[in-house]
Amino acid sequence: MNLTLAQLQAQRPIGDVFFEFDASTLSDAGRGTLQKGADFLRQRMSVRARIEGHADARGTNEYNLALGERRANAVRDYLIGLGIAGNRLEVLSKGEEEPQCTDQNESCWSQNRRGTFIYTAK
């Protein structure tokens, strides 16, 4: 089946990778998500993606942009370590600008501390 980019994005074949507060270290669950993601990318050599790094609303905009970049790079670097070519992966920090959840509590903030995949070529 030949999917469009929109269909690929809607299927979300690589899930979000979540991070602890004020951290850019991958968790065991995050590494598991990325191992499955690497399998997907190995099977579809033409797929390219932008990894967007996100932060919760705590901290300054400048700090959260830097944290989002560290998170996106951690995801990218792990995939490269699993054999995915770096030229297939770009990074972009969104900081706190595109939250999944806007409530002011830990349950919500934890959803915003993430690396998200946006597919740019199929």
N, C-alpha and C. Protein backbone atom coordinates (compact mmCIF):
# COMPACT_ATOMS: atom_id res chain seq x y z
N MET A 1 0.84 -1.17 0.00
CA MET A 1 0.00 0.00 0.00
C MET A 1 0.89 1.24 0.00
N ASN A 2 0.60 2.16 -0.89
CA ASN A 2 1.37 3.39 -1.01
C ASN A 2 0.64 4.52 -0.29
N LEU A 3 1.14 4.90 0.87
CA LEU A 3 0.49 5.92 1.69
C LEU A 3 0.96 7.31 1.31
N THR A 4 0.08 8.28 1.46
CA THR A 4 0.48 9.67 1.32
C THR A 4 1.19 10.08 2.62
N LEU A 5 1.86 11.23 2.58
CA LEU A 5 2.48 11.74 3.81
C LEU A 5 1.44 11.96 4.90
N ALA A 6 0.28 12.49 4.53
CA ALA A 6 -0.78 12.73 5.51
C ALA A 6 -1.24 11.42 6.14
N GLN A 7 -1.39 10.37 5.34
CA GLN A 7 -1.80 9.08 5.88
C GLN A 7 -0.72 8.49 6.78
N LEU A 8 0.53 8.63 6.36
CA LEU A 8 1.64 8.16 7.18
C LEU A 8 1.66 8.88 8.53
N GLN A 9 1.47 10.20 8.49
CA GLN A 9 1.45 10.98 9.72
C GLN A 9 0.28 10.56 10.61
N ALA A 10 -0.88 10.31 10.02
CA ALA A 10 -2.06 9.91 10.79
C ALA A 10 -1.85 8.55 11.46
N GLN A 11 -1.12 7.65 10.80
CA GLN A 11 -0.87 6.32 11.37
C GLN A 11 0.13 6.35 12.52
N ARG A 12 0.98 7.37 12.55
CA ARG A 12 1.98 7.53 13.61
C ARG A 12 2.76 6.23 13.86
N PRO A 13 3.47 5.73 12.87
CA PRO A 13 4.17 4.45 13.03
C PRO A 13 5.27 4.49 14.09
N ILE A 14 5.77 5.68 14.41
CA ILE A 14 6.72 5.81 15.52
C ILE A 14 6.06 6.72 16.55
N GLY A 15 5.83 6.17 17.72
CA GLY A 15 5.14 6.93 18.77
C GLY A 15 6.02 8.01 19.38
N ASP A 16 5.39 8.87 20.15
CA ASP A 16 6.13 9.90 20.88
C ASP A 16 7.06 9.26 21.91
N VAL A 17 8.16 9.93 22.15
CA VAL A 17 9.11 9.52 23.18
C VAL A 17 9.00 10.56 24.30
N PHE A 18 8.73 10.09 25.51
CA PHE A 18 8.48 11.01 26.63
C PHE A 18 9.71 11.09 27.54
N PHE A 19 9.84 12.25 28.20
CA PHE A 19 10.99 12.54 29.03
C PHE A 19 10.54 12.95 30.43
N GLU A 20 11.43 12.75 31.39
CA GLU A 20 11.20 13.20 32.76
C GLU A 20 11.37 14.72 32.81
N PHE A 21 10.93 15.32 33.89
CA PHE A 21 11.05 16.75 34.10
C PHE A 21 12.51 17.18 34.01
N ASP A 22 12.77 18.23 33.23
CA ASP A 22 14.09 18.85 33.12
C ASP A 22 15.17 17.86 32.70
N ALA A 23 14.81 16.89 31.83
CA ALA A 23 15.76 15.85 31.41
C ALA A 23 15.67 15.62 29.92
N SER A 24 16.79 15.16 29.37
CA SER A 24 16.81 14.79 27.96
C SER A 24 17.40 13.39 27.78
N THR A 25 17.41 12.62 28.86
CA THR A 25 17.89 11.25 28.82
C THR A 25 16.73 10.33 28.46
N LEU A 26 16.99 9.40 27.56
CA LEU A 26 15.94 8.46 27.15
C LEU A 26 15.65 7.46 28.26
N SER A 27 14.39 7.17 28.46
CA SER A 27 13.96 6.14 29.40
C SER A 27 13.99 4.78 28.70
N ASP A 28 13.82 3.72 29.47
CA ASP A 28 13.73 2.38 28.87
C ASP A 28 12.56 2.32 27.89
N ALA A 29 11.43 2.91 28.27
CA ALA A 29 10.26 2.92 27.38
C ALA A 29 10.57 3.69 26.10
N GLY A 30 11.26 4.81 26.23
CA GLY A 30 11.63 5.60 25.06
C GLY A 30 12.56 4.83 24.13
N ARG A 31 13.53 4.12 24.70
CA ARG A 31 14.43 3.31 23.87
C ARG A 31 13.65 2.20 23.16
N GLY A 32 12.68 1.61 23.84
CA GLY A 32 11.85 0.58 23.22
C GLY A 32 11.05 1.13 22.05
N THR A 33 10.48 2.30 22.24
CA THR A 33 9.74 2.96 21.15
C THR A 33 10.66 3.20 19.96
N LEU A 34 11.87 3.66 20.23
CA LEU A 34 12.80 3.97 19.15
C LEU A 34 13.36 2.72 18.48
N GLN A 35 13.48 1.63 19.21
CA GLN A 35 13.92 0.38 18.58
C GLN A 35 12.88 -0.09 17.56
N LYS A 36 11.60 0.01 17.92
CA LYS A 36 10.53 -0.31 16.97
C LYS A 36 10.54 0.68 15.82
N GLY A 37 10.78 1.95 16.13
CA GLY A 37 10.86 2.97 15.09
C GLY A 37 11.99 2.72 14.12
N ALA A 38 13.14 2.26 14.63
CA ALA A 38 14.27 1.95 13.76
C ALA A 38 13.90 0.79 12.82
N ASP A 39 13.18 -0.20 13.34
CA ASP A 39 12.73 -1.31 12.48
C ASP A 39 11.85 -0.78 11.36
N PHE A 40 10.92 0.11 11.70
CA PHE A 40 10.05 0.72 10.69
C PHE A 40 10.88 1.46 9.65
N LEU A 41 11.83 2.27 10.09
CA LEU A 41 12.65 3.06 9.17
C LEU A 41 13.56 2.19 8.31
N ARG A 42 14.04 1.06 8.85
CA ARG A 42 14.87 0.14 8.05
C ARG A 42 14.06 -0.49 6.92
N GLN A 43 12.77 -0.73 7.15
CA GLN A 43 11.91 -1.35 6.15
C GLN A 43 11.45 -0.35 5.09
N ARG A 44 11.57 0.93 5.39
CA ARG A 44 11.11 1.98 4.47
C ARG A 44 12.23 3.01 4.32
N MET A 45 13.18 2.66 3.48
CA MET A 45 14.42 3.44 3.36
C MET A 45 14.21 4.85 2.82
N SER A 46 13.08 5.13 2.20
CA SER A 46 12.87 6.47 1.65
C SER A 46 12.20 7.42 2.64
N VAL A 47 11.72 6.90 3.77
CA VAL A 47 11.04 7.74 4.75
C VAL A 47 12.06 8.63 5.45
N ARG A 48 11.70 9.90 5.55
CA ARG A 48 12.49 10.89 6.29
C ARG A 48 11.57 11.54 7.31
N ALA A 49 12.17 12.01 8.40
CA ALA A 49 11.34 12.59 9.45
C ALA A 49 12.04 13.76 10.12
N ARG A 50 11.22 14.65 10.63
CA ARG A 50 11.68 15.72 11.50
C ARG A 50 11.29 15.31 12.91
N ILE A 51 12.24 15.35 13.81
CA ILE A 51 11.98 15.05 15.22
C ILE A 51 11.83 16.38 15.93
N GLU A 52 10.65 16.61 16.47
CA GLU A 52 10.38 17.85 17.18
C GLU A 52 10.50 17.60 18.67
N GLY A 53 11.33 18.43 19.32
CA GLY A 53 11.51 18.33 20.76
C GLY A 53 10.61 19.33 21.47
N HIS A 54 9.91 18.86 22.48
CA HIS A 54 8.94 19.68 23.21
C HIS A 54 9.25 19.70 24.70
N ALA A 55 8.79 20.75 25.36
CA ALA A 55 8.95 20.90 26.80
C ALA A 55 7.62 21.33 27.41
N ASP A 56 7.51 21.17 28.72
CA ASP A 56 6.31 21.68 29.37
C ASP A 56 6.46 23.19 29.59
N ALA A 57 5.45 23.82 30.14
CA ALA A 57 5.41 25.29 30.22
C ALA A 57 6.27 25.87 31.32
N ARG A 58 6.84 25.04 32.16
CA ARG A 58 7.68 25.57 33.23
C ARG A 58 9.05 25.93 32.68
N GLY A 59 9.62 27.01 33.15
CA GLY A 59 10.91 27.46 32.65
C GLY A 59 10.73 28.57 31.63
N THR A 60 11.81 29.25 31.32
CA THR A 60 11.74 30.34 30.35
C THR A 60 11.61 29.79 28.94
N ASN A 61 11.14 30.61 28.03
CA ASN A 61 11.05 30.19 26.62
C ASN A 61 12.40 29.75 26.10
N GLU A 62 13.44 30.54 26.41
CA GLU A 62 14.78 30.24 25.93
C GLU A 62 15.26 28.89 26.47
N TYR A 63 15.07 28.65 27.77
CA TYR A 63 15.47 27.38 28.36
C TYR A 63 14.72 26.22 27.73
N ASN A 64 13.42 26.37 27.53
CA ASN A 64 12.61 25.29 26.98
C ASN A 64 12.95 25.00 25.53
N LEU A 65 13.33 26.02 24.77
CA LEU A 65 13.79 25.77 23.39
C LEU A 65 15.08 24.95 23.41
N ALA A 66 16.00 25.28 24.31
CA ALA A 66 17.25 24.52 24.42
C ALA A 66 16.97 23.08 24.87
N LEU A 67 16.07 22.91 25.83
CA LEU A 67 15.72 21.58 26.32
C LEU A 67 15.05 20.76 25.22
N GLY A 68 14.14 21.39 24.47
CA GLY A 68 13.50 20.69 23.35
C GLY A 68 14.53 20.23 22.33
N GLU A 69 15.53 21.05 22.07
CA GLU A 69 16.58 20.66 21.13
C GLU A 69 17.39 19.48 21.65
N ARG A 70 17.73 19.50 22.94
CA ARG A 70 18.46 18.37 23.52
C ARG A 70 17.63 17.09 23.43
N ARG A 71 16.34 17.19 23.65
CA ARG A 71 15.47 16.01 23.57
C ARG A 71 15.40 15.47 22.14
N ALA A 72 15.20 16.36 21.18
CA ALA A 72 15.15 15.92 19.78
C ALA A 72 16.47 15.30 19.36
N ASN A 73 17.58 15.88 19.78
CA ASN A 73 18.89 15.32 19.45
C ASN A 73 19.11 13.96 20.12
N ALA A 74 18.61 13.78 21.34
CA ALA A 74 18.74 12.48 22.01
C ALA A 74 18.01 11.40 21.22
N VAL A 75 16.83 11.72 20.71
CA VAL A 75 16.06 10.78 19.90
C VAL A 75 16.82 10.48 18.60
N ARG A 76 17.26 11.52 17.93
CA ARG A 76 18.00 11.36 16.66
C ARG A 76 19.26 10.54 16.88
N ASP A 77 20.04 10.89 17.89
CA ASP A 77 21.30 10.19 18.14
C ASP A 77 21.09 8.71 18.43
N TYR A 78 20.02 8.40 19.16
CA TYR A 78 19.74 7.00 19.46
C TYR A 78 19.41 6.23 18.17
N LEU A 79 18.60 6.83 17.32
CA LEU A 79 18.27 6.17 16.05
C LEU A 79 19.51 6.00 15.18
N ILE A 80 20.37 6.99 15.15
CA ILE A 80 21.63 6.86 14.40
C ILE A 80 22.45 5.71 14.96
N GLY A 81 22.48 5.59 16.28
CA GLY A 81 23.19 4.48 16.92
C GLY A 81 22.61 3.12 16.55
N LEU A 82 21.34 3.10 16.18
CA LEU A 82 20.69 1.85 15.74
C LEU A 82 20.83 1.63 14.23
N GLY A 83 21.61 2.49 13.56
CA GLY A 83 21.91 2.28 12.16
C GLY A 83 21.09 3.09 11.17
N ILE A 84 20.29 4.03 11.66
CA ILE A 84 19.50 4.87 10.75
C ILE A 84 20.37 6.04 10.31
N ALA A 85 20.41 6.29 9.03
CA ALA A 85 21.25 7.36 8.48
C ALA A 85 20.80 8.73 9.01
N GLY A 86 21.74 9.50 9.49
CA GLY A 86 21.45 10.80 10.04
C GLY A 86 20.82 11.76 9.06
N ASN A 87 21.12 11.59 7.77
CA ASN A 87 20.55 12.51 6.77
C ASN A 87 19.06 12.26 6.54
N ARG A 88 18.50 11.25 7.17
CA ARG A 88 17.06 11.00 7.09
C ARG A 88 16.30 11.64 8.23
N LEU A 89 17.02 12.22 9.19
CA LEU A 89 16.43 12.74 10.41
C LEU A 89 16.88 14.17 10.66
N GLU A 90 15.94 15.08 10.76
CA GLU A 90 16.29 16.45 11.14
C GLU A 90 15.66 16.72 12.50
N VAL A 91 16.17 17.72 13.19
CA VAL A 91 15.62 18.06 14.50
C VAL A 91 15.14 19.51 14.50
N LEU A 92 14.12 19.74 15.30
CA LEU A 92 13.58 21.09 15.47
C LEU A 92 13.01 21.18 16.88
N SER A 93 13.42 22.21 17.60
CA SER A 93 12.86 22.41 18.94
C SER A 93 11.61 23.27 18.84
N LYS A 94 10.56 22.81 19.49
CA LYS A 94 9.33 23.59 19.61
C LYS A 94 9.21 24.18 21.01
N GLY A 95 10.12 23.80 21.91
CA GLY A 95 10.04 24.31 23.28
C GLY A 95 8.67 24.02 23.87
N GLU A 96 8.05 25.06 24.40
CA GLU A 96 6.73 24.91 25.02
C GLU A 96 5.62 25.39 24.11
N GLU A 97 5.92 25.65 22.84
CA GLU A 97 4.99 26.35 21.95
C GLU A 97 3.82 25.51 21.43
N GLU A 98 3.93 24.19 21.41
CA GLU A 98 2.85 23.35 20.88
C GLU A 98 2.50 22.24 21.88
N PRO A 99 1.89 22.60 22.99
CA PRO A 99 1.57 21.59 24.01
C PRO A 99 0.47 20.64 23.55
N GLN A 100 0.56 19.40 24.01
CA GLN A 100 -0.51 18.42 23.80
C GLN A 100 -1.65 18.70 24.77
N CYS A 101 -1.30 19.21 25.93
CA CYS A 101 -2.25 19.43 27.02
C CYS A 101 -1.94 20.78 27.65
N THR A 102 -2.97 21.51 28.05
CA THR A 102 -2.75 22.85 28.57
C THR A 102 -3.13 23.01 30.04
N ASP A 103 -3.56 21.93 30.71
CA ASP A 103 -3.83 22.02 32.14
C ASP A 103 -2.52 22.25 32.89
N GLN A 104 -2.60 22.81 34.06
CA GLN A 104 -1.40 23.10 34.85
C GLN A 104 -1.24 22.08 35.97
N ASN A 105 -0.88 20.85 35.58
CA ASN A 105 -0.62 19.79 36.56
C ASN A 105 0.36 18.78 35.96
N GLU A 106 0.93 17.95 36.79
CA GLU A 106 1.97 17.02 36.36
C GLU A 106 1.48 16.05 35.29
N SER A 107 0.26 15.58 35.42
CA SER A 107 -0.28 14.66 34.43
C SER A 107 -0.25 15.29 33.04
N CYS A 108 -0.60 16.53 32.96
CA CYS A 108 -0.60 17.25 31.69
C CYS A 108 0.83 17.57 31.25
N TRP A 109 1.62 18.11 32.16
CA TRP A 109 3.00 18.47 31.81
C TRP A 109 3.77 17.27 31.25
N SER A 110 3.53 16.09 31.81
CA SER A 110 4.27 14.90 31.36
C SER A 110 3.96 14.56 29.90
N GLN A 111 2.77 14.92 29.42
CA GLN A 111 2.43 14.69 28.01
C GLN A 111 3.16 15.65 27.07
N ASN A 112 3.57 16.78 27.61
CA ASN A 112 4.23 17.80 26.79
C ASN A 112 5.74 17.62 26.70
N ARG A 113 6.32 16.84 27.56
CA ARG A 113 7.77 16.60 27.55
C ARG A 113 8.05 15.43 26.62
N ARG A 114 8.26 15.74 25.33
CA ARG A 114 8.28 14.65 24.36
C ARG A 114 9.12 14.97 23.13
N GLY A 115 9.44 13.91 22.41
CA GLY A 115 9.96 14.00 21.06
C GLY A 115 8.90 13.41 20.15
N THR A 116 8.54 14.14 19.11
CA THR A 116 7.47 13.76 18.20
C THR A 116 8.02 13.66 16.78
N PHE A 117 7.52 12.70 16.01
CA PHE A 117 7.95 12.51 14.63
C PHE A 117 6.97 13.15 13.66
N ILE A 118 7.51 13.95 12.75
CA ILE A 118 6.74 14.53 11.65
C ILE A 118 7.40 14.00 10.37
N TYR A 119 6.66 13.29 9.58
CA TYR A 119 7.23 12.66 8.37
C TYR A 119 7.31 13.69 7.25
N THR A 120 8.47 13.77 6.62
CA THR A 120 8.72 14.80 5.62
C THR A 120 8.91 14.21 4.21
N ALA A 121 9.13 12.94 4.12
CA ALA A 121 9.24 12.25 2.83
C ALA A 121 8.90 10.78 3.04
N LYS A 122 8.29 10.19 2.04
CA LYS A 122 7.92 8.79 2.15
C LYS A 122 8.63 7.99 1.10
